[in-house]
Amino acid sequence: MGAADDKEMSLVQARTACECCHDCALGKTRTNLVYGTGNANARLLFVGEAPGEREDATGIPFVGAAGQLLDRYLFAVDIPREDVYIANILKCRPPKNRDPLEDEVQACMKHLRTQVRILNPSIIVCLGRISAMRLIKPDFRITKEHGVWFHRGNFDMCAVYHPSALLRDPSKKEDMLEDMKQIAQKYHALKS
């Protein structure tokens, strides 16, 4: 069994532990746990805020309209979705897609930390303001700091607009494309 198999097994074990979690009330109302998906050897990790309705129904992050838009951006900058790992801070859907509550975030952060430890990516991209405020800095301003790189621990990190924000405000799509081009440049440099 190689390192890739070890990572895959560790992710399965971590997911199983997360499925048993009831540290907040969301575990009682979810349809499916939305742990994360992708390549266990990913060098690039995308982290969103919380699952939406389609994600809750399927158990897979970013499969609804926002996920389809993210897929189009990944395709546009030549990053195959199967090469990356995609997760959310929360693993269960908040009712009516409301912002996560502080106790929910605190309960779920341990699961995200476990994912990051197992995956050990080189780059972490926060999808949206909420994720950036939790992972980069509490006063993160998405309109001013999207695409700005930060170094935290062993990771290069940045934030981009959440794809659902682009669906509501298409005027930000060009900024997103430029940010994704920078991410792709940094990502492809890792592979050379």
N, C-alpha and C. Protein backbone atom coordinates (compact mmCIF):
# COMPACT_ATOMS: atom_id res chain seq x y z
N MET A 1 0.84 -1.18 0.00
CA MET A 1 0.00 0.00 0.00
C MET A 1 0.88 1.24 0.00
N GLY A 2 0.65 2.17 -0.94
CA GLY A 2 1.46 3.37 -1.07
C GLY A 2 0.90 4.54 -0.30
N ALA A 3 1.60 5.67 -0.44
CA ALA A 3 1.19 6.89 0.26
C ALA A 3 -0.20 7.34 -0.18
N ALA A 4 -0.49 7.18 -1.48
CA ALA A 4 -1.81 7.58 -1.99
C ALA A 4 -2.90 6.74 -1.34
N ASP A 5 -2.66 5.44 -1.23
CA ASP A 5 -3.63 4.55 -0.59
C ASP A 5 -3.81 4.91 0.89
N ASP A 6 -2.70 5.27 1.55
CA ASP A 6 -2.76 5.65 2.96
C ASP A 6 -3.61 6.91 3.14
N LYS A 7 -3.43 7.88 2.25
CA LYS A 7 -4.22 9.11 2.32
C LYS A 7 -5.70 8.81 2.09
N GLU A 8 -5.96 7.98 1.10
CA GLU A 8 -7.35 7.63 0.78
C GLU A 8 -8.00 6.95 1.99
N MET A 9 -7.29 6.02 2.60
CA MET A 9 -7.81 5.32 3.77
C MET A 9 -8.03 6.28 4.94
N SER A 10 -7.09 7.19 5.13
CA SER A 10 -7.23 8.18 6.20
C SER A 10 -8.45 9.07 5.98
N LEU A 11 -8.70 9.46 4.73
CA LEU A 11 -9.88 10.27 4.42
C LEU A 11 -11.17 9.49 4.68
N VAL A 12 -11.17 8.22 4.35
CA VAL A 12 -12.35 7.39 4.61
C VAL A 12 -12.61 7.30 6.12
N GLN A 13 -11.55 7.09 6.88
CA GLN A 13 -11.70 7.01 8.34
C GLN A 13 -12.17 8.34 8.92
N ALA A 14 -11.61 9.44 8.41
CA ALA A 14 -12.01 10.76 8.90
C ALA A 14 -13.47 11.05 8.56
N ARG A 15 -13.89 10.63 7.37
CA ARG A 15 -15.28 10.82 6.97
C ARG A 15 -16.21 10.02 7.89
N THR A 16 -15.83 8.80 8.20
CA THR A 16 -16.63 7.96 9.09
C THR A 16 -16.79 8.62 10.46
N ALA A 17 -15.71 9.19 10.97
CA ALA A 17 -15.77 9.89 12.25
C ALA A 17 -16.69 11.10 12.15
N CYS A 18 -16.62 11.79 11.03
CA CYS A 18 -17.46 12.98 10.83
C CYS A 18 -18.94 12.59 10.74
N GLU A 19 -19.23 11.45 10.12
CA GLU A 19 -20.62 10.99 10.01
C GLU A 19 -21.25 10.76 11.37
N CYS A 20 -20.43 10.43 12.36
CA CYS A 20 -20.92 10.17 13.71
C CYS A 20 -21.00 11.44 14.57
N CYS A 21 -20.55 12.56 14.01
CA CYS A 21 -20.47 13.81 14.77
C CYS A 21 -21.87 14.39 14.98
N HIS A 22 -22.13 14.77 16.22
CA HIS A 22 -23.35 15.50 16.55
C HIS A 22 -23.01 16.63 17.51
N ASP A 23 -21.87 17.30 17.21
CA ASP A 23 -21.41 18.39 18.07
C ASP A 23 -22.21 19.67 17.88
N CYS A 24 -23.03 19.70 16.84
CA CYS A 24 -23.96 20.82 16.67
C CYS A 24 -25.28 20.23 16.15
N ALA A 25 -26.30 21.05 16.08
CA ALA A 25 -27.63 20.57 15.71
C ALA A 25 -27.76 20.19 14.23
N LEU A 26 -26.84 20.62 13.37
CA LEU A 26 -26.98 20.36 11.93
C LEU A 26 -26.91 18.88 11.58
N GLY A 27 -26.23 18.10 12.40
CA GLY A 27 -26.15 16.67 12.14
C GLY A 27 -27.51 15.98 12.18
N LYS A 28 -28.44 16.57 12.90
CA LYS A 28 -29.79 16.00 13.02
C LYS A 28 -30.69 16.35 11.84
N THR A 29 -30.36 17.44 11.14
CA THR A 29 -31.26 17.91 10.08
C THR A 29 -30.74 17.63 8.67
N ARG A 30 -29.53 17.14 8.55
CA ARG A 30 -28.97 16.90 7.22
C ARG A 30 -29.62 15.70 6.54
N THR A 31 -29.64 15.73 5.23
CA THR A 31 -30.01 14.55 4.45
C THR A 31 -28.78 13.67 4.28
N ASN A 32 -27.68 14.30 3.87
CA ASN A 32 -26.40 13.61 3.69
C ASN A 32 -25.27 14.45 4.26
N LEU A 33 -24.27 13.80 4.78
CA LEU A 33 -23.03 14.46 5.13
C LEU A 33 -22.36 14.85 3.82
N VAL A 34 -21.81 16.06 3.76
CA VAL A 34 -21.09 16.52 2.58
C VAL A 34 -19.65 16.74 3.02
N TYR A 35 -18.89 15.66 3.06
CA TYR A 35 -17.55 15.70 3.64
C TYR A 35 -16.55 16.39 2.73
N GLY A 36 -16.50 15.98 1.50
CA GLY A 36 -15.54 16.52 0.55
C GLY A 36 -15.34 15.51 -0.56
N THR A 37 -14.74 15.96 -1.64
CA THR A 37 -14.53 15.05 -2.76
C THR A 37 -13.31 15.48 -3.54
N GLY A 38 -12.70 14.51 -4.17
CA GLY A 38 -11.57 14.83 -5.03
C GLY A 38 -10.40 13.89 -4.85
N ASN A 39 -9.28 14.36 -5.31
CA ASN A 39 -8.05 13.60 -5.35
C ASN A 39 -7.36 13.65 -3.98
N ALA A 40 -7.10 12.49 -3.42
CA ALA A 40 -6.44 12.43 -2.11
C ALA A 40 -5.02 12.98 -2.17
N ASN A 41 -4.44 13.05 -3.36
CA ASN A 41 -3.09 13.60 -3.52
C ASN A 41 -3.10 15.02 -4.08
N ALA A 42 -4.24 15.67 -3.97
CA ALA A 42 -4.38 17.03 -4.52
C ALA A 42 -3.38 17.98 -3.89
N ARG A 43 -2.78 18.80 -4.72
CA ARG A 43 -1.91 19.87 -4.24
C ARG A 43 -2.72 21.16 -4.06
N LEU A 44 -3.96 21.13 -4.57
CA LEU A 44 -4.83 22.30 -4.56
C LEU A 44 -6.16 21.93 -3.90
N LEU A 45 -6.47 22.66 -2.82
CA LEU A 45 -7.69 22.44 -2.05
C LEU A 45 -8.57 23.68 -2.14
N PHE A 46 -9.82 23.50 -2.53
CA PHE A 46 -10.81 24.57 -2.52
C PHE A 46 -11.70 24.36 -1.30
N VAL A 47 -11.95 25.43 -0.55
CA VAL A 47 -12.78 25.34 0.66
C VAL A 47 -13.89 26.38 0.59
N GLY A 48 -15.11 25.90 0.56
CA GLY A 48 -16.28 26.77 0.59
C GLY A 48 -16.81 26.92 2.00
N GLU A 49 -18.01 27.43 2.08
CA GLU A 49 -18.62 27.76 3.35
C GLU A 49 -19.43 26.60 3.92
N ALA A 50 -20.42 26.14 3.17
CA ALA A 50 -21.33 25.10 3.66
C ALA A 50 -22.08 24.50 2.48
N PRO A 51 -22.57 23.28 2.62
CA PRO A 51 -23.34 22.68 1.53
C PRO A 51 -24.67 23.40 1.31
N GLY A 52 -25.12 23.38 0.08
CA GLY A 52 -26.44 23.88 -0.26
C GLY A 52 -27.42 22.73 -0.42
N GLU A 53 -28.56 23.03 -0.96
CA GLU A 53 -29.63 22.02 -1.08
C GLU A 53 -29.22 20.83 -1.96
N ARG A 54 -28.63 21.10 -3.14
CA ARG A 54 -28.22 20.00 -4.04
C ARG A 54 -27.10 19.18 -3.41
N GLU A 55 -26.21 19.85 -2.72
CA GLU A 55 -25.11 19.15 -2.07
C GLU A 55 -25.62 18.25 -0.95
N ASP A 56 -26.57 18.76 -0.19
CA ASP A 56 -27.18 17.98 0.88
C ASP A 56 -27.89 16.75 0.31
N ALA A 57 -28.51 16.92 -0.84
CA ALA A 57 -29.23 15.80 -1.47
C ALA A 57 -28.28 14.73 -2.01
N THR A 58 -27.10 15.16 -2.51
CA THR A 58 -26.17 14.21 -3.14
C THR A 58 -25.03 13.77 -2.24
N GLY A 59 -24.69 14.58 -1.25
CA GLY A 59 -23.54 14.29 -0.40
C GLY A 59 -22.22 14.71 -1.04
N ILE A 60 -22.28 15.50 -2.11
CA ILE A 60 -21.07 15.92 -2.84
C ILE A 60 -21.04 17.45 -2.88
N PRO A 61 -19.89 18.07 -2.52
CA PRO A 61 -19.83 19.52 -2.54
C PRO A 61 -19.78 20.09 -3.96
N PHE A 62 -20.38 21.24 -4.12
CA PHE A 62 -20.32 22.02 -5.35
C PHE A 62 -20.80 21.23 -6.57
N VAL A 63 -22.05 20.76 -6.49
CA VAL A 63 -22.67 20.06 -7.64
C VAL A 63 -23.86 20.82 -8.20
N GLY A 64 -24.31 21.85 -7.51
CA GLY A 64 -25.43 22.65 -8.00
C GLY A 64 -24.95 23.67 -9.02
N ALA A 65 -25.71 24.72 -9.21
CA ALA A 65 -25.38 25.75 -10.19
C ALA A 65 -24.03 26.40 -9.89
N ALA A 66 -23.75 26.67 -8.62
CA ALA A 66 -22.46 27.27 -8.25
C ALA A 66 -21.31 26.31 -8.57
N GLY A 67 -21.51 25.03 -8.32
CA GLY A 67 -20.49 24.04 -8.63
C GLY A 67 -20.24 23.90 -10.12
N GLN A 68 -21.32 23.99 -10.88
CA GLN A 68 -21.16 23.91 -12.34
C GLN A 68 -20.39 25.11 -12.86
N LEU A 69 -20.61 26.28 -12.26
CA LEU A 69 -19.84 27.45 -12.65
C LEU A 69 -18.38 27.29 -12.25
N LEU A 70 -18.13 26.78 -11.06
CA LEU A 70 -16.75 26.50 -10.64
C LEU A 70 -16.08 25.55 -11.63
N ASP A 71 -16.79 24.52 -12.04
CA ASP A 71 -16.23 23.57 -13.02
C ASP A 71 -15.84 24.28 -14.31
N ARG A 72 -16.65 25.23 -14.76
CA ARG A 72 -16.33 25.96 -15.99
C ARG A 72 -15.06 26.80 -15.82
N TYR A 73 -14.89 27.40 -14.65
CA TYR A 73 -13.66 28.15 -14.40
C TYR A 73 -12.44 27.22 -14.35
N LEU A 74 -12.59 26.09 -13.69
CA LEU A 74 -11.48 25.13 -13.65
C LEU A 74 -11.09 24.69 -15.06
N PHE A 75 -12.09 24.40 -15.88
CA PHE A 75 -11.84 24.00 -17.26
C PHE A 75 -11.14 25.13 -18.03
N ALA A 76 -11.60 26.37 -17.83
CA ALA A 76 -11.06 27.52 -18.56
C ALA A 76 -9.58 27.74 -18.27
N VAL A 77 -9.12 27.36 -17.06
CA VAL A 77 -7.72 27.58 -16.70
C VAL A 77 -6.93 26.27 -16.67
N ASP A 78 -7.51 25.22 -17.26
CA ASP A 78 -6.82 23.94 -17.43
C ASP A 78 -6.43 23.28 -16.10
N ILE A 79 -7.37 23.29 -15.17
CA ILE A 79 -7.20 22.53 -13.92
C ILE A 79 -8.32 21.50 -13.88
N PRO A 80 -8.01 20.22 -14.10
CA PRO A 80 -9.06 19.20 -14.06
C PRO A 80 -9.64 19.06 -12.65
N ARG A 81 -10.95 19.03 -12.56
CA ARG A 81 -11.59 18.90 -11.24
C ARG A 81 -11.10 17.64 -10.52
N GLU A 82 -10.82 16.59 -11.28
CA GLU A 82 -10.37 15.35 -10.64
C GLU A 82 -8.96 15.45 -10.05
N ASP A 83 -8.24 16.55 -10.33
CA ASP A 83 -6.91 16.76 -9.75
C ASP A 83 -6.96 17.49 -8.41
N VAL A 84 -8.09 18.11 -8.09
CA VAL A 84 -8.18 18.93 -6.89
C VAL A 84 -9.07 18.24 -5.85
N TYR A 85 -9.10 18.81 -4.67
CA TYR A 85 -10.01 18.36 -3.63
C TYR A 85 -10.88 19.55 -3.26
N ILE A 86 -12.17 19.30 -3.08
CA ILE A 86 -13.12 20.36 -2.76
C ILE A 86 -13.88 19.99 -1.49
N ALA A 87 -13.91 20.93 -0.56
CA ALA A 87 -14.60 20.71 0.71
C ALA A 87 -15.27 22.01 1.14
N ASN A 88 -15.96 21.95 2.24
CA ASN A 88 -16.56 23.12 2.87
C ASN A 88 -16.14 23.15 4.32
N ILE A 89 -16.27 24.32 4.94
CA ILE A 89 -16.04 24.38 6.38
C ILE A 89 -17.07 23.52 7.09
N LEU A 90 -18.36 23.78 6.82
CA LEU A 90 -19.41 22.95 7.41
C LEU A 90 -19.63 21.72 6.55
N LYS A 91 -19.91 20.62 7.18
CA LYS A 91 -20.14 19.36 6.47
C LYS A 91 -21.63 19.03 6.37
N CYS A 92 -22.46 19.84 7.01
CA CYS A 92 -23.91 19.67 6.97
C CYS A 92 -24.55 21.00 6.57
N ARG A 93 -25.65 20.92 5.86
CA ARG A 93 -26.32 22.12 5.34
C ARG A 93 -27.05 22.89 6.44
N PRO A 94 -26.77 24.19 6.55
CA PRO A 94 -27.58 25.01 7.44
C PRO A 94 -28.98 25.20 6.84
N PRO A 95 -30.01 25.28 7.67
CA PRO A 95 -31.37 25.47 7.15
C PRO A 95 -31.47 26.70 6.24
N LYS A 96 -32.12 26.53 5.11
CA LYS A 96 -32.36 27.61 4.15
C LYS A 96 -31.07 28.29 3.69
N ASN A 97 -29.96 27.57 3.76
CA ASN A 97 -28.66 28.07 3.30
C ASN A 97 -28.21 29.34 4.03
N ARG A 98 -28.64 29.51 5.27
CA ARG A 98 -28.22 30.68 6.03
C ARG A 98 -26.72 30.59 6.32
N ASP A 99 -26.12 31.73 6.72
CA ASP A 99 -24.72 31.73 7.11
C ASP A 99 -24.52 30.80 8.30
N PRO A 100 -23.37 30.14 8.37
CA PRO A 100 -23.10 29.27 9.51
C PRO A 100 -23.06 30.04 10.82
N LEU A 101 -23.56 29.42 11.87
CA LEU A 101 -23.48 30.00 13.21
C LEU A 101 -22.11 29.68 13.80
N GLU A 102 -21.68 30.49 14.74
CA GLU A 102 -20.35 30.33 15.33
C GLU A 102 -20.15 28.93 15.93
N ASP A 103 -21.15 28.42 16.66
CA ASP A 103 -20.98 27.10 17.27
C ASP A 103 -20.89 26.00 16.20
N GLU A 104 -21.56 26.19 15.08
CA GLU A 104 -21.48 25.22 13.99
C GLU A 104 -20.09 25.22 13.36
N VAL A 105 -19.56 26.42 13.16
CA VAL A 105 -18.20 26.52 12.60
C VAL A 105 -17.20 25.89 13.55
N GLN A 106 -17.31 26.22 14.83
CA GLN A 106 -16.37 25.66 15.81
C GLN A 106 -16.45 24.14 15.85
N ALA A 107 -17.65 23.61 15.76
CA ALA A 107 -17.83 22.15 15.79
C ALA A 107 -17.22 21.49 14.55
N CYS A 108 -17.28 22.15 13.41
CA CYS A 108 -16.82 21.54 12.16
C CYS A 108 -15.36 21.81 11.82
N MET A 109 -14.76 22.82 12.41
CA MET A 109 -13.38 23.15 12.04
C MET A 109 -12.43 21.98 12.28
N LYS A 110 -12.70 21.19 13.28
CA LYS A 110 -11.80 20.04 13.53
C LYS A 110 -11.82 19.07 12.36
N HIS A 111 -12.96 18.93 11.72
CA HIS A 111 -13.05 18.03 10.57
C HIS A 111 -12.29 18.60 9.37
N LEU A 112 -12.39 19.91 9.17
CA LEU A 112 -11.62 20.53 8.09
C LEU A 112 -10.12 20.45 8.38
N ARG A 113 -9.73 20.68 9.61
CA ARG A 113 -8.30 20.57 9.97
C ARG A 113 -7.78 19.16 9.70
N THR A 114 -8.59 18.17 9.99
CA THR A 114 -8.19 16.79 9.70
C THR A 114 -8.01 16.59 8.20
N GLN A 115 -8.95 17.09 7.40
CA GLN A 115 -8.81 16.99 5.94
C GLN A 115 -7.52 17.64 5.47
N VAL A 116 -7.26 18.84 5.96
CA VAL A 116 -6.05 19.57 5.53
C VAL A 116 -4.81 18.79 5.95
N ARG A 117 -4.80 18.26 7.16
CA ARG A 117 -3.63 17.49 7.63
C ARG A 117 -3.39 16.27 6.74
N ILE A 118 -4.45 15.55 6.40
CA ILE A 118 -4.32 14.35 5.56
C ILE A 118 -3.90 14.74 4.14
N LEU A 119 -4.57 15.71 3.55
CA LEU A 119 -4.30 16.09 2.17
C LEU A 119 -2.94 16.77 2.02
N ASN A 120 -2.60 17.61 2.98
CA ASN A 120 -1.37 18.39 2.95
C ASN A 120 -1.17 19.09 1.61
N PRO A 121 -2.14 19.91 1.20
CA PRO A 121 -2.02 20.58 -0.09
C PRO A 121 -0.96 21.68 -0.04
N SER A 122 -0.55 22.15 -1.18
CA SER A 122 0.37 23.29 -1.26
C SER A 122 -0.40 24.60 -1.31
N ILE A 123 -1.58 24.55 -1.94
CA ILE A 123 -2.41 25.75 -2.14
C ILE A 123 -3.81 25.51 -1.60
N ILE A 124 -4.31 26.48 -0.85
CA ILE A 124 -5.70 26.45 -0.37
C ILE A 124 -6.39 27.70 -0.91
N VAL A 125 -7.50 27.48 -1.61
CA VAL A 125 -8.28 28.58 -2.15
C VAL A 125 -9.62 28.63 -1.43
N CYS A 126 -9.89 29.74 -0.79
CA CYS A 126 -11.16 29.94 -0.11
C CYS A 126 -12.18 30.42 -1.12
N LEU A 127 -13.31 29.75 -1.15
CA LEU A 127 -14.40 30.13 -2.04
C LEU A 127 -15.35 31.02 -1.25
N GLY A 128 -15.15 32.32 -1.36
CA GLY A 128 -16.04 33.27 -0.71
C GLY A 128 -15.52 33.86 0.58
N ARG A 129 -16.24 34.88 1.02
CA ARG A 129 -15.90 35.67 2.19
C ARG A 129 -15.88 34.87 3.49
N ILE A 130 -16.91 34.06 3.70
CA ILE A 130 -17.02 33.32 4.98
C ILE A 130 -15.81 32.40 5.16
N SER A 131 -15.48 31.66 4.14
CA SER A 131 -14.33 30.77 4.21
C SER A 131 -13.04 31.56 4.44
N ALA A 132 -12.87 32.65 3.73
CA ALA A 132 -11.66 33.47 3.87
C ALA A 132 -11.54 34.06 5.27
N MET A 133 -12.67 34.48 5.84
CA MET A 133 -12.64 35.05 7.19
C MET A 133 -12.25 34.00 8.22
N ARG A 134 -12.55 32.76 7.96
CA ARG A 134 -12.21 31.68 8.90
C ARG A 134 -10.79 31.17 8.70
N LEU A 135 -10.34 31.13 7.45
CA LEU A 135 -9.07 30.49 7.16
C LEU A 135 -7.91 31.45 6.93
N ILE A 136 -8.20 32.64 6.45
CA ILE A 136 -7.11 33.58 6.16
C ILE A 136 -6.99 34.62 7.26
N LYS A 137 -8.06 35.41 7.47
CA LYS A 137 -8.04 36.40 8.55
C LYS A 137 -9.47 36.87 8.82
N PRO A 138 -9.78 37.17 10.08
CA PRO A 138 -11.16 37.50 10.46
C PRO A 138 -11.74 38.73 9.77
N ASP A 139 -10.90 39.68 9.38
CA ASP A 139 -11.41 40.90 8.76
C ASP A 139 -11.24 40.90 7.23
N PHE A 140 -11.21 39.70 6.66
CA PHE A 140 -11.00 39.58 5.22
C PHE A 140 -12.11 40.30 4.46
N ARG A 141 -11.73 41.08 3.46
CA ARG A 141 -12.67 41.83 2.63
C ARG A 141 -12.61 41.25 1.21
N ILE A 142 -13.58 40.48 0.83
CA ILE A 142 -13.53 39.76 -0.44
C ILE A 142 -13.47 40.72 -1.63
N THR A 143 -14.15 41.85 -1.57
CA THR A 143 -14.14 42.77 -2.71
C THR A 143 -12.77 43.43 -2.90
N LYS A 144 -12.02 43.58 -1.82
CA LYS A 144 -10.70 44.23 -1.91
C LYS A 144 -9.56 43.22 -1.96
N GLU A 145 -9.76 42.04 -1.39
CA GLU A 145 -8.63 41.12 -1.23
C GLU A 145 -8.76 39.82 -2.03
N HIS A 146 -9.78 39.70 -2.87
CA HIS A 146 -9.85 38.50 -3.70
C HIS A 146 -8.61 38.44 -4.58
N GLY A 147 -8.06 37.25 -4.72
CA GLY A 147 -6.87 37.07 -5.56
C GLY A 147 -5.56 37.46 -4.90
N VAL A 148 -5.58 38.01 -3.68
CA VAL A 148 -4.36 38.37 -2.96
C VAL A 148 -3.84 37.12 -2.25
N TRP A 149 -2.54 36.88 -2.37
CA TRP A 149 -1.94 35.68 -1.79
C TRP A 149 -1.45 35.93 -0.38
N PHE A 150 -1.65 34.94 0.47
CA PHE A 150 -1.20 34.94 1.86
C PHE A 150 -0.44 33.64 2.08
N HIS A 151 0.54 33.69 2.96
CA HIS A 151 1.24 32.45 3.32
C HIS A 151 0.90 32.17 4.78
N ARG A 152 0.29 31.02 5.01
CA ARG A 152 -0.11 30.60 6.36
C ARG A 152 0.44 29.21 6.60
N GLY A 153 1.36 29.09 7.57
CA GLY A 153 1.97 27.78 7.83
C GLY A 153 2.68 27.28 6.58
N ASN A 154 2.31 26.11 6.12
CA ASN A 154 2.91 25.51 4.92
C ASN A 154 2.13 25.79 3.65
N PHE A 155 1.14 26.67 3.73
CA PHE A 155 0.22 26.84 2.61
C PHE A 155 0.28 28.23 2.00
N ASP A 156 0.16 28.27 0.68
CA ASP A 156 -0.14 29.51 -0.01
C ASP A 156 -1.67 29.55 -0.11
N MET A 157 -2.24 30.68 0.28
CA MET A 157 -3.70 30.78 0.33
C MET A 157 -4.17 32.06 -0.35
N CYS A 158 -5.33 31.96 -0.95
CA CYS A 158 -6.01 33.14 -1.47
C CYS A 158 -7.50 32.86 -1.41
N ALA A 159 -8.26 33.89 -1.69
CA ALA A 159 -9.72 33.73 -1.76
C ALA A 159 -10.21 34.30 -3.07
N VAL A 160 -11.26 33.70 -3.56
CA VAL A 160 -11.94 34.17 -4.76
C VAL A 160 -13.41 34.34 -4.41
N TYR A 161 -14.13 34.99 -5.30
CA TYR A 161 -15.57 35.11 -5.08
C TYR A 161 -16.20 33.71 -5.06
N HIS A 162 -17.17 33.55 -4.20
CA HIS A 162 -17.91 32.29 -4.20
C HIS A 162 -18.70 32.22 -5.51
N PRO A 163 -18.71 31.07 -6.18
CA PRO A 163 -19.45 30.98 -7.44
C PRO A 163 -20.91 31.40 -7.33
N SER A 164 -21.55 31.19 -6.19
CA SER A 164 -22.95 31.60 -6.07
C SER A 164 -23.06 33.13 -6.09
N ALA A 165 -22.05 33.84 -5.61
CA ALA A 165 -22.06 35.30 -5.69
C ALA A 165 -21.99 35.76 -7.14
N LEU A 166 -21.25 35.01 -7.96
CA LEU A 166 -21.15 35.35 -9.38
C LEU A 166 -22.47 35.12 -10.10
N LEU A 167 -23.23 34.15 -9.64
CA LEU A 167 -24.55 33.92 -10.23
C LEU A 167 -25.49 35.08 -9.93
N ARG A 168 -25.31 35.68 -8.76
CA ARG A 168 -26.14 36.84 -8.38
C ARG A 168 -25.62 38.14 -9.00
N ASP A 169 -24.30 38.22 -9.18
CA ASP A 169 -23.68 39.46 -9.69
C ASP A 169 -22.65 39.11 -10.77
N PRO A 170 -23.11 38.92 -11.99
CA PRO A 170 -22.20 38.53 -13.08
C PRO A 170 -21.09 39.54 -13.37
N SER A 171 -21.19 40.75 -12.87
CA SER A 171 -20.14 41.74 -13.13
C SER A 171 -18.80 41.34 -12.50
N LYS A 172 -18.82 40.40 -11.56
CA LYS A 172 -17.59 39.95 -10.90
C LYS A 172 -16.92 38.78 -11.63
N LYS A 173 -17.53 38.29 -12.69
CA LYS A 173 -17.01 37.11 -13.37
C LYS A 173 -15.62 37.32 -13.97
N GLU A 174 -15.36 38.51 -14.48
CA GLU A 174 -14.04 38.78 -15.06
C GLU A 174 -12.96 38.77 -13.98
N ASP A 175 -13.26 39.35 -12.81
CA ASP A 175 -12.32 39.29 -11.68
C ASP A 175 -12.04 37.85 -11.29
N MET A 176 -13.07 37.03 -11.27
CA MET A 176 -12.91 35.62 -10.93
C MET A 176 -12.00 34.93 -11.94
N LEU A 177 -12.18 35.21 -13.21
CA LEU A 177 -11.33 34.58 -14.22
C LEU A 177 -9.87 34.98 -14.02
N GLU A 178 -9.62 36.24 -13.75
CA GLU A 178 -8.23 36.68 -13.52
C GLU A 178 -7.64 36.00 -12.28
N ASP A 179 -8.44 35.89 -11.21
CA ASP A 179 -7.97 35.20 -10.00
C ASP A 179 -7.68 33.74 -10.29
N MET A 180 -8.55 33.09 -11.05
CA MET A 180 -8.35 31.68 -11.38
C MET A 180 -7.11 31.49 -12.26
N LYS A 181 -6.81 32.44 -13.12
CA LYS A 181 -5.59 32.36 -13.93
C LYS A 181 -4.35 32.40 -13.04
N GLN A 182 -4.37 33.26 -12.00
CA GLN A 182 -3.25 33.31 -11.05
C GLN A 182 -3.11 31.99 -10.29
N ILE A 183 -4.25 31.45 -9.88
CA ILE A 183 -4.22 30.16 -9.17
C ILE A 183 -3.65 29.08 -10.07
N ALA A 184 -4.09 29.06 -11.32
CA ALA A 184 -3.60 28.06 -12.27
C ALA A 184 -2.11 28.20 -12.49
N GLN A 185 -1.63 29.43 -12.59
CA GLN A 185 -0.21 29.66 -12.80
C GLN A 185 0.59 29.08 -11.63
N LYS A 186 0.16 29.36 -10.41
CA LYS A 186 0.84 28.85 -9.22
C LYS A 186 0.72 27.32 -9.15
N TYR A 187 -0.45 26.81 -9.49
CA TYR A 187 -0.69 25.36 -9.45
C TYR A 187 0.18 24.65 -10.49
N HIS A 188 0.19 25.14 -11.72
CA HIS A 188 0.98 24.48 -12.77
C HIS A 188 2.48 24.58 -12.49
N ALA A 189 2.92 25.62 -11.80
CA ALA A 189 4.33 25.74 -11.41
C ALA A 189 4.73 24.63 -10.43
N LEU A 190 3.78 24.17 -9.62
CA LEU A 190 4.06 23.08 -8.68
C LEU A 190 4.39 21.79 -9.43
N LYS A 191 3.76 21.62 -10.58
CA LYS A 191 3.89 20.37 -11.32
C LYS A 191 5.13 20.32 -12.21
N SER A 192 5.80 21.47 -12.38
CA SER A 192 6.97 21.47 -13.27
C SER A 192 8.27 21.33 -12.54
